[in-house]
Protein backbone atom coordinates (compact mmCIF):
# COMPACT_ATOMS: atom_id res chain seq x y z
CA MET A 1 -14.41 -12.94 9.77
CA ALA A 2 -13.17 -10.58 12.24
CA LEU A 3 -9.98 -8.95 10.64
CA VAL A 4 -7.49 -7.31 12.76
CA THR A 5 -4.37 -5.11 11.90
CA LYS A 6 -1.12 -4.78 13.19
CA PRO A 7 2.00 -2.65 11.92
CA LEU A 8 4.65 -4.02 9.96
CA ASP A 9 7.91 -4.23 12.07
CA PRO A 10 10.46 -6.66 13.11
CA ALA A 11 7.97 -8.70 15.30
CA THR A 12 5.55 -8.84 12.52
CA TRP A 13 8.10 -9.36 9.56
CA PRO A 14 7.95 -13.55 9.53
CA ASP A 15 4.08 -13.11 9.13
CA PHE A 16 4.59 -10.54 6.19
CA ALA A 17 7.30 -12.68 4.80
CA GLN A 18 5.29 -16.02 4.89
CA LEU A 19 2.30 -14.43 3.05
CA ALA A 20 4.87 -12.95 0.41
CA ALA A 21 6.55 -15.98 0.04
CA ASP A 22 3.32 -18.30 -0.25
CA HIS A 23 2.70 -16.06 -3.40
CA HIS A 24 6.19 -16.09 -4.96
CA GLY A 25 7.32 -13.15 -3.37
CA VAL A 26 4.25 -11.18 -4.42
CA TRP A 27 4.07 -10.62 -8.29
CA SER A 28 7.14 -12.87 -9.23
CA GLY A 29 9.05 -11.21 -6.37
CA CYS A 30 8.36 -7.66 -5.87
CA TRP A 31 8.46 -8.29 -2.08
CA CYS A 32 6.34 -4.72 -1.82
CA LEU A 33 9.77 -2.94 -2.55
CA GLY A 34 8.52 -1.63 -6.01
CA PHE A 35 7.67 1.86 -4.61
CA HIS A 36 10.95 2.45 -2.45
CA GLU A 37 13.95 4.04 -4.01
CA GLU A 38 15.77 0.83 -4.74
CA GLY A 39 12.68 -1.02 -5.91
CA ARG A 40 12.93 -0.48 -9.75
CA ASN A 41 12.05 -3.67 -11.74
CA GLY A 42 14.85 -5.93 -13.02
CA VAL A 43 17.50 -4.36 -10.83
CA HIS A 44 17.72 -7.14 -7.88
CA SER A 45 16.75 -10.66 -7.72
CA PRO A 46 13.84 -11.82 -5.79
CA GLU A 47 16.08 -12.94 -2.99
CA ARG A 48 18.07 -9.76 -2.92
CA ARG A 49 14.57 -7.71 -2.83
CA ARG A 50 13.50 -9.55 0.21
CA GLU A 51 16.65 -8.96 1.97
CA LEU A 52 16.36 -5.19 1.21
CA LYS A 53 12.60 -5.11 2.32
CA GLN A 54 13.62 -6.82 5.53
CA ALA A 55 16.38 -4.26 6.11
CA ARG A 56 14.03 -1.33 5.77
CA VAL A 57 11.60 -3.17 8.11
CA ALA A 58 14.43 -3.67 10.63
CA ASP A 59 15.35 -0.01 10.24
CA GLY A 60 11.72 1.52 10.56
CA ARG A 61 11.82 2.64 6.77
CA ALA A 62 9.12 0.57 5.93
CA HIS A 63 5.69 0.94 6.80
CA ALA A 64 2.50 -1.15 6.38
CA ALA A 65 -0.56 -2.14 8.15
CA LEU A 66 -0.91 -5.89 8.08
CA VAL A 67 -4.15 -7.60 8.20
CA TYR A 68 -4.85 -10.87 10.24
CA ASP A 69 -7.63 -13.37 10.13
CA GLY A 70 -6.72 -15.03 13.23
CA PRO A 71 -3.14 -15.59 13.84
CA ARG A 72 -2.46 -15.82 9.86
CA CYS A 73 -1.41 -12.49 8.09
CA VAL A 74 -3.67 -12.26 4.83
CA GLY A 75 -3.11 -9.11 3.49
CA TRP A 76 -1.47 -5.46 3.81
CA CYS A 77 -1.55 -1.88 2.85
CA GLN A 78 1.49 -0.14 2.23
CA PHE A 79 2.25 3.47 3.15
CA GLY A 80 4.90 5.91 3.85
CA SER A 81 6.30 9.25 3.52
CA PRO A 82 7.10 10.38 -0.18
CA SER A 83 10.94 9.96 0.67
CA GLU A 84 10.23 6.31 1.77
CA LEU A 85 7.83 5.63 -1.05
CA PRO A 86 9.25 8.04 -3.96
CA ARG A 87 8.40 5.78 -6.94
CA ILE A 88 4.61 5.97 -7.74
CA LYS A 89 3.00 5.12 -11.19
CA PHE A 90 2.02 7.87 -13.57
CA GLN A 91 5.18 10.03 -12.13
CA LYS A 92 5.21 12.04 -15.04
CA ALA A 93 1.43 13.11 -14.81
CA TYR A 94 1.72 13.48 -11.26
CA GLN A 95 4.80 15.81 -11.40
CA ALA A 96 3.10 17.90 -14.12
CA ALA A 97 0.26 19.25 -11.97
CA LEU A 98 2.03 19.06 -8.40
CA ASP A 99 1.00 21.22 -5.78
CA GLY A 100 3.33 20.39 -2.80
CA LEU A 101 3.78 16.97 -1.65
CA PRO A 102 1.70 14.99 0.99
CA ASP A 103 2.92 13.81 4.25
CA TRP A 104 1.89 10.35 3.48
CA ARG A 105 1.31 8.23 0.60
CA ILE A 106 -0.63 4.83 0.23
CA THR A 107 1.01 2.87 -2.58
CA CYS A 108 0.12 -0.76 -2.47
CA PHE A 109 -2.36 -3.54 -1.29
CA PHE A 110 -1.83 -7.05 -1.32
CA THR A 111 -4.45 -9.66 -0.22
CA GLY A 112 -3.65 -13.36 -0.40
CA ARG A 113 -5.59 -15.54 -2.70
CA THR A 114 -7.62 -17.45 -0.12
CA HIS A 115 -9.08 -14.12 1.31
CA ARG A 116 -9.57 -11.87 -1.81
CA ARG A 117 -13.29 -10.01 -1.67
CA GLN A 118 -13.58 -10.48 1.76
CA GLY A 119 -12.92 -7.15 3.11
CA VAL A 120 -9.20 -7.22 3.76
CA ALA A 121 -8.05 -4.16 1.63
CA ASP A 122 -10.82 -2.00 3.44
CA ALA A 123 -9.36 -3.38 6.83
CA GLY A 124 -5.87 -2.82 5.54
CA LEU A 125 -6.89 1.01 4.71
CA ASP A 126 -8.29 1.37 7.92
CA GLY A 127 -5.39 0.07 9.62
CA ALA A 128 -3.01 2.08 7.72
CA LEU A 129 -4.93 5.17 8.59
CA ALA A 130 -4.75 4.46 12.28
CA GLU A 131 -1.03 3.90 12.09
CA ILE A 132 -0.77 7.39 10.17
CA ALA A 133 -2.78 8.83 12.82
CA ARG A 134 -0.46 7.26 15.56
CA LEU A 135 2.51 8.58 13.74
CA GLY A 136 1.30 12.25 13.75
CA GLY A 137 -1.25 12.44 11.14
CA GLY A 138 -1.24 14.93 8.01
CA ARG A 139 -2.36 14.96 4.51
CA VAL A 140 -2.42 11.59 3.16
CA GLU A 141 -2.60 10.70 -0.70
CA SER A 142 -3.05 7.64 -2.87
CA TYR A 143 -3.56 6.71 -6.60
CA PRO A 144 -6.48 4.53 -6.99
CA GLU A 145 -8.06 3.35 -10.16
CA ASP A 146 -11.74 4.24 -11.03
CA THR A 147 -13.52 0.87 -12.02
CA THR A 148 -16.86 2.35 -12.29
CA GLY A 149 -18.99 0.72 -15.41
CA ARG A 150 -16.16 -1.46 -16.45
CA LYS A 151 -14.67 -4.91 -15.04
CA VAL A 152 -11.24 -5.07 -13.81
CA SER A 153 -9.47 -8.09 -12.16
CA GLY A 154 -8.82 -7.73 -8.60
CA SER A 155 -5.23 -9.01 -9.09
CA PHE A 156 -4.44 -6.05 -10.93
CA LEU A 157 -5.52 -3.35 -8.56
CA ASN A 158 -2.65 -3.21 -6.24
CA ASN A 159 -3.80 0.65 -5.64
CA ALA A 160 -7.23 -0.38 -4.94
CA THR A 161 -10.28 1.54 -6.16
CA VAL A 162 -11.62 5.18 -6.04
CA SER A 163 -15.00 4.01 -4.56
CA MET A 164 -13.19 1.95 -1.64
CA PHE A 165 -11.18 5.44 -0.95
CA GLU A 166 -14.18 7.71 -0.91
CA ARG A 167 -15.86 5.24 1.30
CA HIS A 168 -12.84 5.95 3.52
CA GLY A 169 -13.36 9.65 3.38
CA PHE A 170 -10.85 10.56 0.68
CA THR A 171 -11.80 13.25 -2.08
CA ARG A 172 -10.71 13.02 -5.85
CA GLU A 173 -8.10 15.86 -6.45
CA ARG A 174 -7.13 15.33 -10.21
CA ARG A 175 -7.02 12.51 -12.79
CA LEU A 176 -3.64 10.47 -13.11
CA GLY A 177 -3.79 8.68 -16.60
CA LYS A 178 -7.14 7.43 -18.03
CA ASN A 179 -8.42 5.50 -14.95
CA HIS A 180 -6.59 6.73 -11.94
CA TRP A 181 -6.91 9.46 -9.61
CA VAL A 182 -5.04 11.09 -6.79
CA VAL A 183 -7.15 11.13 -3.71
CA SER A 184 -6.38 12.83 -0.36
CA ARG A 185 -7.70 13.23 3.01
CA GLU A 186 -6.34 14.80 6.19
CA ILE A 187 -5.71 12.77 9.13
CA ALA A 188 -5.32 14.19 12.60
CA GLY A 189 -2.45 13.00 14.84
CA GLY A 190 -3.32 10.89 17.72
């Protein structure tokens, strides 16, 4: 399978929206809005979340690398600045040891059910790093889960795994919670 990535923008929105809609808005209507300021659960209906995400995309305030298998979008990797994606998991532990904010955050991965375990998250991360380089580069941070020695359902790994990030040149900075880590990497601007 030859996977390619494209940035999420108004031209690719229909592809993103189709994949999200095919999966009930992703996790019962999140629409990949959960890490944005207005994305707190239980505040907006799934329909309103879709509208808010689409408005962010139209305004250039939502970033993701969409992963395609041929003409079909099969997954994505969401990234953005801390001001674009201020809501992260383990916020209290993160803030307690904060030593400056990164330039970019990678907060979420999604893979459609027909393409899981086929390299979509890896391709999405490659695409996100290429987009970050195109947008000027800087320090990139994410908060993946360490799954070493234990089984974890892929459907719960929305931040991916530490081992995947390490394969892409990220290093562990500090632990967040029992199994999550802050990982980071510098990306040169292109």
